[in-house]
Amino acid sequence: MRIWLFILTNLLWLSAATVCAEEALLGTVEAIDRDKGELILRVTDSSADRGHKISVFLDPENMPCCIGIGKTVRVWGSYAKGNSSTFQAVTVRGNSFQGNGHDPTGVRCRIGRGRGHGRGGAGHR
């Protein structure tokens, strides 16, 4: 029994040690340099940096092709130490989270049917 408690405690400590916190930003792309892997974002979320421009750096190979000037993106990563205007991104997602007509589960279509906006169904009587 003690050995299992020891093993589980160590697993808990190891898993907690490997977790690192990432911050998320939501912003509008002001400029892009795909060769350097740099985005200039105007922050639009409710953080303290709202409305400020932030330089976001990421691996140029990981930059999504759907990102363009004026598009809204969500960025996960961390601020550079001692510099709140530089952000090192781990993940960048383009406007795929906005309503672009893609409905893989069909939920949006079913919701629309109930209000009379879908293709057939309860909304058309």
N, C-alpha and C. Protein backbone atom coordinates (compact mmCIF):
# COMPACT_ATOMS: atom_id res chain seq x y z
N MET A 1 0.82 -1.19 0.00
CA MET A 1 0.00 0.00 0.00
C MET A 1 0.86 1.25 0.00
N ARG A 2 1.95 1.23 0.80
CA ARG A 2 2.81 2.41 0.88
C ARG A 2 3.53 2.66 -0.44
N ILE A 3 3.90 1.61 -1.12
CA ILE A 3 4.61 1.78 -2.38
C ILE A 3 3.71 2.46 -3.41
N TRP A 4 2.42 2.11 -3.44
CA TRP A 4 1.49 2.76 -4.37
C TRP A 4 1.30 4.22 -4.02
N LEU A 5 1.22 4.52 -2.76
CA LEU A 5 1.09 5.91 -2.34
C LEU A 5 2.34 6.70 -2.75
N PHE A 6 3.50 6.09 -2.59
CA PHE A 6 4.75 6.74 -2.99
C PHE A 6 4.79 6.97 -4.51
N ILE A 7 4.39 5.97 -5.28
CA ILE A 7 4.39 6.09 -6.74
C ILE A 7 3.39 7.14 -7.20
N LEU A 8 2.21 7.12 -6.66
CA LEU A 8 1.20 8.11 -7.05
C LEU A 8 1.61 9.53 -6.67
N THR A 9 2.23 9.69 -5.52
CA THR A 9 2.70 11.01 -5.11
C THR A 9 3.78 11.52 -6.05
N ASN A 10 4.71 10.66 -6.43
CA ASN A 10 5.76 11.07 -7.36
C ASN A 10 5.19 11.40 -8.74
N LEU A 11 4.23 10.64 -9.19
CA LEU A 11 3.60 10.95 -10.48
C LEU A 11 2.90 12.30 -10.44
N LEU A 12 2.25 12.59 -9.34
CA LEU A 12 1.60 13.89 -9.18
C LEU A 12 2.62 15.02 -9.25
N TRP A 13 3.72 14.87 -8.55
CA TRP A 13 4.76 15.91 -8.55
C TRP A 13 5.40 16.05 -9.93
N LEU A 14 5.64 14.95 -10.61
CA LEU A 14 6.22 15.02 -11.95
C LEU A 14 5.29 15.68 -12.95
N SER A 15 4.02 15.37 -12.88
CA SER A 15 3.08 15.98 -13.81
C SER A 15 2.91 17.47 -13.53
N ALA A 16 2.94 17.86 -12.27
CA ALA A 16 2.82 19.28 -11.93
C ALA A 16 4.06 20.04 -12.35
N ALA A 17 5.22 19.41 -12.34
CA ALA A 17 6.46 20.09 -12.71
C ALA A 17 6.55 20.33 -14.21
N THR A 18 5.90 19.50 -15.03
CA THR A 18 6.00 19.65 -16.47
C THR A 18 4.99 20.64 -17.04
N VAL A 19 4.04 21.08 -16.26
CA VAL A 19 3.03 22.01 -16.73
C VAL A 19 3.59 23.42 -16.71
N CYS A 20 3.45 24.11 -17.83
CA CYS A 20 3.84 25.52 -17.85
C CYS A 20 2.64 26.32 -18.33
N ALA A 21 2.43 27.45 -17.72
CA ALA A 21 1.27 28.27 -18.04
C ALA A 21 1.52 29.04 -19.33
N GLU A 22 0.51 29.07 -20.16
CA GLU A 22 0.55 29.87 -21.37
C GLU A 22 -0.54 30.92 -21.28
N GLU A 23 -0.25 32.07 -21.83
CA GLU A 23 -1.24 33.12 -21.89
C GLU A 23 -1.86 33.11 -23.27
N ALA A 24 -3.08 33.60 -23.35
CA ALA A 24 -3.77 33.67 -24.63
C ALA A 24 -4.08 35.13 -24.94
N LEU A 25 -3.90 35.49 -26.20
CA LEU A 25 -4.23 36.83 -26.67
C LEU A 25 -5.18 36.72 -27.84
N LEU A 26 -6.08 37.67 -27.95
CA LEU A 26 -6.95 37.79 -29.10
C LEU A 26 -6.67 39.15 -29.71
N GLY A 27 -6.37 39.17 -31.00
CA GLY A 27 -6.03 40.44 -31.60
C GLY A 27 -6.26 40.46 -33.10
N THR A 28 -6.12 41.66 -33.65
CA THR A 28 -6.25 41.88 -35.08
C THR A 28 -4.86 42.07 -35.68
N VAL A 29 -4.59 41.39 -36.77
CA VAL A 29 -3.27 41.46 -37.40
C VAL A 29 -3.11 42.81 -38.09
N GLU A 30 -2.04 43.53 -37.71
CA GLU A 30 -1.72 44.83 -38.32
C GLU A 30 -0.65 44.67 -39.40
N ALA A 31 0.31 43.76 -39.19
CA ALA A 31 1.39 43.53 -40.16
C ALA A 31 1.89 42.10 -40.01
N ILE A 32 2.43 41.57 -41.11
CA ILE A 32 2.95 40.20 -41.12
C ILE A 32 4.31 40.19 -41.82
N ASP A 33 5.26 39.47 -41.22
CA ASP A 33 6.52 39.17 -41.89
C ASP A 33 6.70 37.66 -41.79
N ARG A 34 6.30 36.96 -42.84
CA ARG A 34 6.31 35.49 -42.82
C ARG A 34 7.73 34.94 -42.80
N ASP A 35 8.68 35.66 -43.38
CA ASP A 35 10.07 35.18 -43.39
C ASP A 35 10.67 35.17 -41.99
N LYS A 36 10.39 36.20 -41.20
CA LYS A 36 10.90 36.29 -39.83
C LYS A 36 10.02 35.55 -38.84
N GLY A 37 8.77 35.31 -39.21
CA GLY A 37 7.83 34.70 -38.28
C GLY A 37 7.32 35.72 -37.27
N GLU A 38 7.00 36.92 -37.76
CA GLU A 38 6.57 37.99 -36.86
C GLU A 38 5.21 38.53 -37.27
N LEU A 39 4.36 38.74 -36.28
CA LEU A 39 3.07 39.38 -36.46
C LEU A 39 3.02 40.61 -35.57
N ILE A 40 2.41 41.66 -36.05
CA ILE A 40 2.10 42.81 -35.20
C ILE A 40 0.60 42.74 -34.95
N LEU A 41 0.22 42.60 -33.69
CA LEU A 41 -1.19 42.47 -33.31
C LEU A 41 -1.65 43.69 -32.54
N ARG A 42 -2.89 44.10 -32.81
CA ARG A 42 -3.57 45.06 -31.94
C ARG A 42 -4.49 44.24 -31.07
N VAL A 43 -4.21 44.22 -29.78
CA VAL A 43 -4.92 43.36 -28.84
C VAL A 43 -6.37 43.82 -28.71
N THR A 44 -7.31 42.87 -28.84
CA THR A 44 -8.73 43.21 -28.77
C THR A 44 -9.46 42.51 -27.64
N ASP A 45 -8.76 41.69 -26.86
CA ASP A 45 -9.45 41.00 -25.77
C ASP A 45 -9.50 41.90 -24.55
N SER A 46 -9.97 41.38 -23.46
CA SER A 46 -10.20 42.20 -22.26
C SER A 46 -9.00 42.25 -21.32
N SER A 47 -7.81 41.96 -21.83
CA SER A 47 -6.63 42.00 -20.97
C SER A 47 -6.20 43.45 -20.74
N ALA A 48 -5.18 43.62 -19.93
CA ALA A 48 -4.68 44.96 -19.62
C ALA A 48 -4.05 45.62 -20.84
N ASP A 49 -3.66 44.82 -21.85
CA ASP A 49 -3.01 45.35 -23.04
C ASP A 49 -4.00 45.72 -24.14
N ARG A 50 -5.25 45.79 -23.85
CA ARG A 50 -6.28 46.04 -24.87
C ARG A 50 -5.96 47.32 -25.64
N GLY A 51 -5.95 47.21 -26.98
CA GLY A 51 -5.70 48.35 -27.84
C GLY A 51 -4.24 48.59 -28.14
N HIS A 52 -3.34 47.95 -27.43
CA HIS A 52 -1.91 48.12 -27.66
C HIS A 52 -1.44 47.21 -28.79
N LYS A 53 -0.36 47.61 -29.44
CA LYS A 53 0.25 46.77 -30.46
C LYS A 53 1.33 45.93 -29.81
N ILE A 54 1.36 44.66 -30.17
CA ILE A 54 2.31 43.71 -29.61
C ILE A 54 2.98 42.96 -30.76
N SER A 55 4.29 42.80 -30.66
CA SER A 55 5.02 41.98 -31.63
C SER A 55 4.95 40.53 -31.18
N VAL A 56 4.48 39.67 -32.06
CA VAL A 56 4.35 38.25 -31.77
C VAL A 56 5.33 37.50 -32.66
N PHE A 57 6.18 36.69 -32.05
CA PHE A 57 7.16 35.91 -32.79
C PHE A 57 6.80 34.43 -32.69
N LEU A 58 6.94 33.72 -33.81
CA LEU A 58 6.71 32.29 -33.83
C LEU A 58 7.56 31.68 -34.93
N ASP A 59 7.65 30.37 -34.92
CA ASP A 59 8.40 29.66 -35.94
C ASP A 59 7.73 29.88 -37.29
N PRO A 60 8.46 30.39 -38.30
CA PRO A 60 7.84 30.67 -39.60
C PRO A 60 7.17 29.44 -40.23
N GLU A 61 7.65 28.25 -39.93
CA GLU A 61 7.04 27.04 -40.47
C GLU A 61 5.68 26.74 -39.85
N ASN A 62 5.42 27.29 -38.66
CA ASN A 62 4.16 27.03 -37.97
C ASN A 62 3.13 28.13 -38.18
N MET A 63 3.43 29.13 -39.02
CA MET A 63 2.49 30.22 -39.23
C MET A 63 1.37 29.74 -40.18
N PRO A 64 0.13 29.79 -39.72
CA PRO A 64 -0.98 29.36 -40.57
C PRO A 64 -1.12 30.23 -41.81
N CYS A 65 -1.52 29.62 -42.91
CA CYS A 65 -1.65 30.38 -44.16
C CYS A 65 -2.91 31.24 -44.18
N CYS A 66 -3.87 30.98 -43.29
CA CYS A 66 -5.12 31.74 -43.29
C CYS A 66 -4.97 33.10 -42.62
N ILE A 67 -3.82 33.39 -42.04
CA ILE A 67 -3.61 34.66 -41.36
C ILE A 67 -3.33 35.74 -42.39
N GLY A 68 -4.04 36.86 -42.27
CA GLY A 68 -3.83 37.99 -43.17
C GLY A 68 -4.04 39.29 -42.42
N ILE A 69 -3.64 40.37 -43.02
CA ILE A 69 -3.80 41.69 -42.40
C ILE A 69 -5.29 41.97 -42.24
N GLY A 70 -5.67 42.42 -41.04
CA GLY A 70 -7.06 42.70 -40.72
C GLY A 70 -7.82 41.52 -40.16
N LYS A 71 -7.22 40.33 -40.18
CA LYS A 71 -7.88 39.13 -39.65
C LYS A 71 -7.72 39.06 -38.14
N THR A 72 -8.66 38.41 -37.49
CA THR A 72 -8.60 38.20 -36.05
C THR A 72 -7.93 36.86 -35.79
N VAL A 73 -6.97 36.85 -34.86
CA VAL A 73 -6.26 35.63 -34.51
C VAL A 73 -6.22 35.46 -33.00
N ARG A 74 -6.08 34.21 -32.58
CA ARG A 74 -5.88 33.90 -31.16
C ARG A 74 -4.50 33.28 -31.06
N VAL A 75 -3.72 33.78 -30.09
CA VAL A 75 -2.32 33.39 -29.94
C VAL A 75 -2.11 32.88 -28.52
N TRP A 76 -1.44 31.72 -28.39
CA TRP A 76 -1.06 31.17 -27.10
C TRP A 76 0.46 31.19 -26.99
N GLY A 77 0.96 31.58 -25.83
CA GLY A 77 2.39 31.63 -25.60
C GLY A 77 2.70 32.39 -24.33
N SER A 78 3.82 33.13 -24.34
CA SER A 78 4.21 33.87 -23.15
C SER A 78 4.93 35.15 -23.56
N TYR A 79 4.84 36.15 -22.69
CA TYR A 79 5.55 37.40 -22.91
C TYR A 79 7.04 37.19 -22.70
N ALA A 80 7.85 37.94 -23.47
CA ALA A 80 9.29 37.90 -23.26
C ALA A 80 9.60 38.53 -21.91
N LYS A 81 10.58 38.02 -21.22
CA LYS A 81 10.91 38.51 -19.88
C LYS A 81 11.33 39.97 -19.95
N GLY A 82 10.68 40.78 -19.14
CA GLY A 82 11.02 42.19 -19.05
C GLY A 82 10.49 43.04 -20.19
N ASN A 83 9.69 42.46 -21.09
CA ASN A 83 9.19 43.22 -22.23
C ASN A 83 7.75 42.84 -22.48
N SER A 84 6.82 43.73 -22.15
CA SER A 84 5.41 43.41 -22.31
C SER A 84 4.90 43.67 -23.73
N SER A 85 5.75 44.15 -24.64
CA SER A 85 5.31 44.37 -26.01
C SER A 85 5.83 43.29 -26.96
N THR A 86 6.49 42.27 -26.42
CA THR A 86 6.99 41.15 -27.22
C THR A 86 6.41 39.86 -26.67
N PHE A 87 5.85 39.06 -27.55
CA PHE A 87 5.17 37.84 -27.16
C PHE A 87 5.73 36.68 -27.98
N GLN A 88 6.16 35.62 -27.32
CA GLN A 88 6.66 34.43 -28.01
C GLN A 88 5.51 33.43 -28.11
N ALA A 89 5.05 33.19 -29.32
CA ALA A 89 3.88 32.35 -29.54
C ALA A 89 4.27 30.88 -29.66
N VAL A 90 3.43 30.03 -29.13
CA VAL A 90 3.56 28.60 -29.29
C VAL A 90 2.55 28.13 -30.33
N THR A 91 1.34 28.65 -30.24
CA THR A 91 0.26 28.29 -31.15
C THR A 91 -0.45 29.54 -31.63
N VAL A 92 -0.76 29.59 -32.91
CA VAL A 92 -1.54 30.69 -33.50
C VAL A 92 -2.66 30.07 -34.29
N ARG A 93 -3.87 30.55 -34.07
CA ARG A 93 -5.02 30.08 -34.82
C ARG A 93 -5.65 31.26 -35.53
N GLY A 94 -6.01 31.03 -36.79
CA GLY A 94 -6.63 32.07 -37.59
C GLY A 94 -8.11 32.18 -37.31
N ASN A 95 -8.84 32.67 -38.29
CA ASN A 95 -10.26 32.97 -38.08
C ASN A 95 -11.15 31.75 -38.22
N SER A 96 -10.62 30.56 -38.06
CA SER A 96 -11.46 29.38 -38.16
C SER A 96 -12.46 29.27 -37.03
N PHE A 97 -12.22 30.02 -35.92
CA PHE A 97 -13.18 29.96 -34.82
C PHE A 97 -14.33 30.93 -35.02
N GLN A 98 -14.28 31.75 -36.06
CA GLN A 98 -15.39 32.65 -36.35
C GLN A 98 -16.36 31.93 -37.27
N GLY A 99 -17.56 32.45 -37.37
CA GLY A 99 -18.57 31.79 -38.18
C GLY A 99 -18.27 31.89 -39.66
N ASN A 100 -17.56 30.94 -40.20
CA ASN A 100 -17.21 30.98 -41.61
C ASN A 100 -17.98 29.94 -42.42
N GLY A 101 -19.08 29.47 -41.87
CA GLY A 101 -19.91 28.54 -42.61
C GLY A 101 -19.54 27.08 -42.40
N HIS A 102 -18.45 26.79 -41.73
CA HIS A 102 -18.03 25.42 -41.49
C HIS A 102 -18.79 24.89 -40.28
N ASP A 103 -19.54 23.85 -40.47
CA ASP A 103 -20.38 23.29 -39.41
C ASP A 103 -20.21 21.78 -39.36
N PRO A 104 -19.06 21.29 -38.82
CA PRO A 104 -18.79 19.85 -38.88
C PRO A 104 -19.76 19.01 -38.07
N THR A 105 -20.35 19.54 -37.02
CA THR A 105 -21.25 18.74 -36.19
C THR A 105 -22.72 18.92 -36.57
N GLY A 106 -23.03 19.95 -37.33
CA GLY A 106 -24.42 20.21 -37.70
C GLY A 106 -25.22 20.94 -36.66
N VAL A 107 -24.60 21.34 -35.56
CA VAL A 107 -25.32 22.00 -34.47
C VAL A 107 -25.88 23.35 -34.93
N ARG A 108 -25.06 24.14 -35.62
CA ARG A 108 -25.52 25.46 -36.06
C ARG A 108 -26.73 25.34 -37.00
N CYS A 109 -26.69 24.34 -37.84
CA CYS A 109 -27.80 24.12 -38.75
C CYS A 109 -29.07 23.76 -37.98
N ARG A 110 -28.95 22.88 -36.99
CA ARG A 110 -30.13 22.49 -36.20
C ARG A 110 -30.67 23.64 -35.38
N ILE A 111 -29.79 24.48 -34.85
CA ILE A 111 -30.25 25.66 -34.09
C ILE A 111 -30.99 26.60 -35.03
N GLY A 112 -30.47 26.79 -36.22
CA GLY A 112 -31.11 27.66 -37.19
C GLY A 112 -32.47 27.15 -37.63
N ARG A 113 -32.64 25.86 -37.70
CA ARG A 113 -33.92 25.28 -38.09
C ARG A 113 -35.02 25.67 -37.11
N GLY A 114 -34.71 25.67 -35.83
CA GLY A 114 -35.70 26.01 -34.82
C GLY A 114 -36.17 27.45 -34.92
N ARG A 115 -35.36 28.31 -35.52
CA ARG A 115 -35.73 29.71 -35.69
C ARG A 115 -36.24 30.00 -37.09
N GLY A 116 -36.35 28.96 -37.91
CA GLY A 116 -36.86 29.15 -39.25
C GLY A 116 -35.80 29.58 -40.25
N HIS A 117 -34.51 29.40 -39.91
CA HIS A 117 -33.45 29.81 -40.82
C HIS A 117 -32.77 28.64 -41.51
N GLY A 118 -33.09 27.42 -41.13
CA GLY A 118 -32.37 26.27 -41.66
C GLY A 118 -33.01 25.71 -42.92
N ARG A 119 -32.50 24.57 -43.35
CA ARG A 119 -33.04 23.90 -44.53
C ARG A 119 -34.07 22.87 -44.07
N GLY A 120 -35.31 23.23 -44.09
CA GLY A 120 -36.34 22.31 -43.64
C GLY A 120 -36.38 22.21 -42.13
N GLY A 121 -37.13 21.28 -41.60
CA GLY A 121 -37.15 21.05 -40.15
C GLY A 121 -38.27 21.80 -39.47
N ALA A 122 -38.12 22.00 -38.17
CA ALA A 122 -39.18 22.53 -37.32
C ALA A 122 -39.55 23.97 -37.64
N GLY A 123 -38.64 24.73 -38.21
CA GLY A 123 -38.91 26.14 -38.46
C GLY A 123 -39.78 26.40 -39.65
N HIS A 124 -40.00 25.40 -40.51
CA HIS A 124 -40.79 25.57 -41.73
C HIS A 124 -42.09 24.83 -41.60
N ARG A 125 -43.16 25.54 -41.36
CA ARG A 125 -44.47 24.90 -41.17
C ARG A 125 -45.46 25.41 -42.16
